[in-house]
Amino acid sequence: MESTPVRLISLTVTANRVNRSRWWVTDEVRAGRFPRPIRDGNRTDFVESEIDAWIRERAARRDAAA
């Protein structure tokens, strides 16, 4: 069985993916409402699959409220 590799994406790419600012992402992480990044020195990266799951969860909440 082949596992899917984990892909890291930068803070800038993450912010663009959710159509928000880098500051918004940082604030949401601090508030516990957004997936936590992996920090390595000066880099702040996010696990792509966690960001995709966050987007899907928001879409599911939207659909459930309709």
PDB file of N, CA and C in Angstrom:
ATOM      1  N   MET A   1       0.845  -1.170   0.000  1.00  0.00           N
ATOM      2  CA  MET A   1       0.000   0.000   0.000  1.00  0.00           C
ATOM      3  C   MET A   1       0.892   1.235   0.000  1.00  0.00           C
ATOM      4  N   GLU A   2       0.601   2.146  -0.874  1.00  0.00           N
ATOM      5  CA  GLU A   2       1.385   3.361  -1.014  1.00  0.00           C
ATOM      6  C   GLU A   2       0.705   4.488  -0.254  1.00  0.00           C
ATOM      7  N   SER A   3       1.445   5.201   0.592  1.00  0.00           N
ATOM      8  CA  SER A   3       0.848   6.315   1.330  1.00  0.00           C
ATOM      9  C   SER A   3       1.080   7.615   0.566  1.00  0.00           C
ATOM     10  N   THR A   4       0.167   8.541   0.770  1.00  0.00           N
ATOM     11  CA  THR A   4       0.282   9.838   0.134  1.00  0.00           C
ATOM     12  C   THR A   4       1.333  10.656   0.875  1.00  0.00           C
ATOM     13  N   PRO A   5       2.282  11.239   0.159  1.00  0.00           N
ATOM     14  CA  PRO A   5       3.303  12.030   0.835  1.00  0.00           C
ATOM     15  C   PRO A   5       2.698  13.296   1.443  1.00  0.00           C
ATOM     16  N   VAL A   6       3.256  13.713   2.558  1.00  0.00           N
ATOM     17  CA  VAL A   6       2.819  14.946   3.203  1.00  0.00           C
ATOM     18  C   VAL A   6       3.485  16.101   2.473  1.00  0.00           C
ATOM     19  N   ARG A   7       2.679  17.071   2.108  1.00  0.00           N
ATOM     20  CA  ARG A   7       3.207  18.234   1.397  1.00  0.00           C
ATOM     21  C   ARG A   7       3.046  19.458   2.279  1.00  0.00           C
ATOM     22  N   LEU A   8       4.112  20.212   2.432  1.00  0.00           N
ATOM     23  CA  LEU A   8       4.077  21.451   3.197  1.00  0.00           C
ATOM     24  C   LEU A   8       3.922  22.624   2.251  1.00  0.00           C
ATOM     25  N   ILE A   9       3.111  23.602   2.680  1.00  0.00           N
ATOM     26  CA  ILE A   9       2.940  24.824   1.896  1.00  0.00           C
ATOM     27  C   ILE A   9       3.227  26.018   2.810  1.00  0.00           C
ATOM     28  N   SER A  10       3.746  27.062   2.231  1.00  0.00           N
ATOM     29  CA  SER A  10       4.171  28.235   3.000  1.00  0.00           C
ATOM     30  C   SER A  10       2.980  29.009   3.554  1.00  0.00           C
ATOM     31  N   LEU A  11       3.269  29.910   4.472  1.00  0.00           N
ATOM     32  CA  LEU A  11       2.240  30.785   5.023  1.00  0.00           C
ATOM     33  C   LEU A  11       1.586  31.606   3.912  1.00  0.00           C
ATOM     34  N   THR A  12       2.375  32.116   2.984  1.00  0.00           N
ATOM     35  CA  THR A  12       1.834  32.916   1.889  1.00  0.00           C
ATOM     36  C   THR A  12       0.904  32.089   1.008  1.00  0.00           C
ATOM     37  N   VAL A  13       1.316  30.887   0.657  1.00  0.00           N
ATOM     38  CA  VAL A  13       0.481  30.015  -0.169  1.00  0.00           C
ATOM     39  C   VAL A  13      -0.795  29.648   0.589  1.00  0.00           C
ATOM     40  N   THR A  14      -0.657  29.373   1.887  1.00  0.00           N
ATOM     41  CA  THR A  14      -1.822  29.042   2.706  1.00  0.00           C
ATOM     42  C   THR A  14      -2.807  30.204   2.726  1.00  0.00           C
ATOM     43  N   ALA A  15      -2.318  31.405   2.957  1.00  0.00           N
ATOM     44  CA  ALA A  15      -3.189  32.587   2.983  1.00  0.00           C
ATOM     45  C   ALA A  15      -3.885  32.771   1.647  1.00  0.00           C
ATOM     46  N   ASN A  16      -3.167  32.590   0.559  1.00  0.00           N
ATOM     47  CA  ASN A  16      -3.775  32.710  -0.769  1.00  0.00           C
ATOM     48  C   ASN A  16      -4.830  31.628  -0.994  1.00  0.00           C
ATOM     49  N   ARG A  17      -4.574  30.445  -0.490  1.00  0.00           N
ATOM     50  CA  ARG A  17      -5.485  29.317  -0.680  1.00  0.00           C
ATOM     51  C   ARG A  17      -6.827  29.553   0.002  1.00  0.00           C
ATOM     52  N   VAL A  18      -6.802  30.218   1.160  1.00  0.00           N
ATOM     53  CA  VAL A  18      -8.051  30.485   1.879  1.00  0.00           C
ATOM     54  C   VAL A  18      -8.546  31.915   1.632  1.00  0.00           C
ATOM     55  N   ASN A  19      -7.885  32.615   0.726  1.00  0.00           N
ATOM     56  CA  ASN A  19      -8.273  33.953   0.300  1.00  0.00           C
ATOM     57  C   ASN A  19      -8.327  34.937   1.476  1.00  0.00           C
ATOM     58  N   ARG A  20      -7.305  34.872   2.307  1.00  0.00           N
ATOM     59  CA  ARG A  20      -7.181  35.746   3.466  1.00  0.00           C
ATOM     60  C   ARG A  20      -5.751  36.274   3.537  1.00  0.00           C
ATOM     61  N   SER A  21      -5.531  37.214   4.437  1.00  0.00           N
ATOM     62  CA  SER A  21      -4.185  37.759   4.608  1.00  0.00           C
ATOM     63  C   SER A  21      -3.346  36.841   5.488  1.00  0.00           C
ATOM     64  N   ARG A  22      -2.050  37.027   5.422  1.00  0.00           N
ATOM     65  CA  ARG A  22      -1.136  36.284   6.297  1.00  0.00           C
ATOM     66  C   ARG A  22      -1.436  36.605   7.762  1.00  0.00           C
ATOM     67  N   TRP A  23      -1.769  37.866   8.048  1.00  0.00           N
ATOM     68  CA  TRP A  23      -2.100  38.273   9.416  1.00  0.00           C
ATOM     69  C   TRP A  23      -3.336  37.548   9.908  1.00  0.00           C
ATOM     70  N   TRP A  24      -4.347  37.413   9.045  1.00  0.00           N
ATOM     71  CA  TRP A  24      -5.573  36.714   9.426  1.00  0.00           C
ATOM     72  C   TRP A  24      -5.249  35.268   9.799  1.00  0.00           C
ATOM     73  N   VAL A  25      -4.456  34.610   8.957  1.00  0.00           N
ATOM     74  CA  VAL A  25      -4.079  33.221   9.229  1.00  0.00           C
ATOM     75  C   VAL A  25      -3.370  33.127  10.579  1.00  0.00           C
ATOM     76  N   THR A  26      -2.417  34.009  10.809  1.00  0.00           N
ATOM     77  CA  THR A  26      -1.669  33.995  12.068  1.00  0.00           C
ATOM     78  C   THR A  26      -2.597  34.203  13.263  1.00  0.00           C
ATOM     79  N   ASP A  27      -3.518  35.141  13.154  1.00  0.00           N
ATOM     80  CA  ASP A  27      -4.470  35.393  14.240  1.00  0.00           C
ATOM     81  C   ASP A  27      -5.367  34.183  14.489  1.00  0.00           C
ATOM     82  N   GLU A  28      -5.828  33.536  13.432  1.00  0.00           N
ATOM     83  CA  GLU A  28      -6.699  32.369  13.574  1.00  0.00           C
ATOM     84  C   GLU A  28      -5.948  31.185  14.191  1.00  0.00           C
ATOM     85  N   VAL A  29      -4.680  31.031  13.840  1.00  0.00           N
ATOM     86  CA  VAL A  29      -3.860  29.970  14.462  1.00  0.00           C
ATOM     87  C   VAL A  29      -3.757  30.247  15.959  1.00  0.00           C
ATOM     88  N   ARG A  30      -3.437  31.480  16.316  1.00  0.00           N
ATOM     89  CA  ARG A  30      -3.303  31.845  17.742  1.00  0.00           C
ATOM     90  C   ARG A  30      -4.599  31.614  18.512  1.00  0.00           C
ATOM     91  N   ALA A  31      -5.740  31.833  17.844  1.00  0.00           N
ATOM     92  CA  ALA A  31      -7.054  31.659  18.489  1.00  0.00           C
ATOM     93  C   ALA A  31      -7.496  30.198  18.504  1.00  0.00           C
ATOM     94  N   GLY A  32      -6.743  29.331  17.832  1.00  0.00           N
ATOM     95  CA  GLY A  32      -7.081  27.910  17.814  1.00  0.00           C
ATOM     96  C   GLY A  32      -8.158  27.547  16.813  1.00  0.00           C
ATOM     97  N   ARG A  33      -8.412  28.421  15.852  1.00  0.00           N
ATOM     98  CA  ARG A  33      -9.457  28.180  14.847  1.00  0.00           C
ATOM     99  C   ARG A  33      -8.919  27.787  13.479  1.00  0.00           C
ATOM    100  N   PHE A  34      -7.622  27.566  13.396  1.00  0.00           N
ATOM    101  CA  PHE A  34      -6.986  27.237  12.118  1.00  0.00           C
ATOM    102  C   PHE A  34      -5.882  26.234  12.402  1.00  0.00           C
ATOM    103  N   PRO A  35      -5.603  25.327  11.470  1.00  0.00           N
ATOM    104  CA  PRO A  35      -4.551  24.321  11.701  1.00  0.00           C
ATOM    105  C   PRO A  35      -3.218  24.966  12.076  1.00  0.00           C
ATOM    106  N   ARG A  36      -2.558  24.351  13.032  1.00  0.00           N
ATOM    107  CA  ARG A  36      -1.271  24.853  13.494  1.00  0.00           C
ATOM    108  C   ARG A  36      -0.180  24.571  12.450  1.00  0.00           C
ATOM    109  N   PRO A  37       0.735  25.518  12.287  1.00  0.00           N
ATOM    110  CA  PRO A  37       1.820  25.321  11.329  1.00  0.00           C
ATOM    111  C   PRO A  37       2.955  24.495  11.928  1.00  0.00           C
ATOM    112  N   ILE A  38       3.858  24.141  11.060  1.00  0.00           N
ATOM    113  CA  ILE A  38       5.128  23.528  11.446  1.00  0.00           C
ATOM    114  C   ILE A  38       6.170  24.629  11.286  1.00  0.00           C
ATOM    115  N   ARG A  39       6.845  24.940  12.372  1.00  0.00           N
ATOM    116  CA  ARG A  39       7.852  25.998  12.318  1.00  0.00           C
ATOM    117  C   ARG A  39       9.233  25.366  12.337  1.00  0.00           C
ATOM    118  N   ASP A  40      10.072  25.831  11.439  1.00  0.00           N
ATOM    119  CA  ASP A  40      11.440  25.340  11.355  1.00  0.00           C
ATOM    120  C   ASP A  40      12.333  26.551  11.108  1.00  0.00           C
ATOM    121  N   GLY A  41      12.933  27.038  12.162  1.00  0.00           N
ATOM    122  CA  GLY A  41      13.749  28.246  12.028  1.00  0.00           C
ATOM    123  C   GLY A  41      12.856  29.424  11.677  1.00  0.00           C
ATOM    124  N   ASN A  42      13.150  30.080  10.580  1.00  0.00           N
ATOM    125  CA  ASN A  42      12.367  31.229  10.129  1.00  0.00           C
ATOM    126  C   ASN A  42      11.185  30.845   9.259  1.00  0.00           C
ATOM    127  N   ARG A  43      11.061  29.569   8.922  1.00  0.00           N
ATOM    128  CA  ARG A  43       9.974  29.125   8.042  1.00  0.00           C
ATOM    129  C   ARG A  43       8.728  28.762   8.837  1.00  0.00           C
ATOM    130  N   THR A  44       7.592  29.086   8.273  1.00  0.00           N
ATOM    131  CA  THR A  44       6.307  28.680   8.819  1.00  0.00           C
ATOM    132  C   THR A  44       5.557  27.992   7.683  1.00  0.00           C
ATOM    133  N   ASP A  45       5.391  26.690   7.809  1.00  0.00           N
ATOM    134  CA  ASP A  45       4.715  25.908   6.778  1.00  0.00           C
ATOM    135  C   ASP A  45       3.500  25.205   7.364  1.00  0.00           C
ATOM    136  N   PHE A  46       2.542  24.928   6.492  1.00  0.00           N
ATOM    137  CA  PHE A  46       1.328  24.231   6.880  1.00  0.00           C
ATOM    138  C   PHE A  46       1.242  22.921   6.111  1.00  0.00           C
ATOM    139  N   VAL A  47       0.600  21.937   6.737  1.00  0.00           N
ATOM    140  CA  VAL A  47       0.375  20.656   6.068  1.00  0.00           C
ATOM    141  C   VAL A  47      -0.803  20.859   5.111  1.00  0.00           C
ATOM    142  N   GLU A  48      -0.555  20.663   3.835  1.00  0.00           N
ATOM    143  CA  GLU A  48      -1.550  20.945   2.807  1.00  0.00           C
ATOM    144  C   GLU A  48      -2.868  20.203   3.051  1.00  0.00           C
ATOM    145  N   SER A  49      -2.790  18.937   3.427  1.00  0.00           N
ATOM    146  CA  SER A  49      -4.014  18.153   3.634  1.00  0.00           C
ATOM    147  C   SER A  49      -4.836  18.698   4.798  1.00  0.00           C
ATOM    148  N   GLU A  50      -4.185  19.288   5.814  1.00  0.00           N
ATOM    149  CA  GLU A  50      -4.922  19.885   6.930  1.00  0.00           C
ATOM    150  C   GLU A  50      -5.651  21.150   6.487  1.00  0.00           C
ATOM    151  N   ILE A  51      -5.038  21.915   5.604  1.00  0.00           N
ATOM    152  CA  ILE A  51      -5.690  23.116   5.074  1.00  0.00           C
ATOM    153  C   ILE A  51      -6.874  22.708   4.198  1.00  0.00           C
ATOM    154  N   ASP A  52      -6.680  21.689   3.368  1.00  0.00           N
ATOM    155  CA  ASP A  52      -7.787  21.185   2.535  1.00  0.00           C
ATOM    156  C   ASP A  52      -8.943  20.705   3.401  1.00  0.00           C
ATOM    157  N   ALA A  53      -8.649  20.006   4.499  1.00  0.00           N
ATOM    158  CA  ALA A  53      -9.695  19.521   5.409  1.00  0.00           C
ATOM    159  C   ALA A  53     -10.411  20.694   6.071  1.00  0.00           C
ATOM    160  N   TRP A  54      -9.686  21.735   6.438  1.00  0.00           N
ATOM    161  CA  TRP A  54     -10.288  22.920   7.042  1.00  0.00           C
ATOM    162  C   TRP A  54     -11.271  23.569   6.059  1.00  0.00           C
ATOM    163  N   ILE A  55     -10.877  23.668   4.797  1.00  0.00           N
ATOM    164  CA  ILE A  55     -11.753  24.249   3.773  1.00  0.00           C
ATOM    165  C   ILE A  55     -13.000  23.379   3.601  1.00  0.00           C
ATOM    166  N   ARG A  56     -12.822  22.058   3.512  1.00  0.00           N
ATOM    167  CA  ARG A  56     -13.967  21.144   3.351  1.00  0.00           C
ATOM    168  C   ARG A  56     -14.919  21.241   4.539  1.00  0.00           C
ATOM    169  N   GLU A  57     -14.375  21.363   5.742  1.00  0.00           N
ATOM    170  CA  GLU A  57     -15.204  21.448   6.939  1.00  0.00           C
ATOM    171  C   GLU A  57     -16.049  22.724   6.926  1.00  0.00           C
ATOM    172  N   ARG A  58     -15.471  23.818   6.502  1.00  0.00           N
ATOM    173  CA  ARG A  58     -16.229  25.069   6.402  1.00  0.00           C
ATOM    174  C   ARG A  58     -17.327  24.955   5.351  1.00  0.00           C
ATOM    175  N   ALA A  59     -17.042  24.309   4.241  1.00  0.00           N
ATOM    176  CA  ALA A  59     -18.062  24.110   3.199  1.00  0.00           C
ATOM    177  C   ALA A  59     -19.188  23.212   3.726  1.00  0.00           C
ATOM    178  N   ALA A  60     -18.833  22.204   4.499  1.00  0.00           N
ATOM    179  CA  ALA A  60     -19.847  21.305   5.057  1.00  0.00           C
ATOM    180  C   ALA A  60     -20.738  22.051   6.043  1.00  0.00           C
ATOM    181  N   ARG A  61     -20.172  22.926   6.868  1.00  0.00           N
ATOM    182  CA  ARG A  61     -20.966  23.732   7.795  1.00  0.00           C
ATOM    183  C   ARG A  61     -21.905  24.664   7.038  1.00  0.00           C
ATOM    184  N   ARG A  62     -21.407  25.233   5.947  1.00  0.00           N
ATOM    185  CA  ARG A  62     -22.240  26.108   5.125  1.00  0.00           C
ATOM    186  C   ARG A  62     -23.431  25.345   4.569  1.00  0.00           C
ATOM    187  N   ASP A  63     -23.156  24.134   4.062  1.00  0.00           N
ATOM    188  CA  ASP A  63     -24.215  23.321   3.463  1.00  0.00           C
ATOM    189  C   ASP A  63     -25.218  22.859   4.506  1.00  0.00           C
ATOM    190  N   ALA A  64     -24.748  22.552   5.716  1.00  0.00           N
ATOM    191  CA  ALA A  64     -25.634  22.100   6.774  1.00  0.00           C
ATOM    192  C   ALA A  64     -26.551  23.219   7.251  1.00  0.00           C
ATOM    193  N   ALA A  65     -26.074  24.452   7.161  1.00  0.00           N
ATOM    194  CA  ALA A  65     -26.867  25.600   7.608  1.00  0.00           C
ATOM    195  C   ALA A  65     -27.921  26.008   6.572  1.00  0.00           C
ATOM    196  N   ALA A  66     -27.775  25.538   5.362  1.00  0.00           N
ATOM    197  CA  ALA A  66     -28.694  25.951   4.274  1.00  0.00           C
ATOM    198  C   ALA A  66     -30.041  25.281   4.379  1.00  0.00           C
TER     199      ALA A  66
END
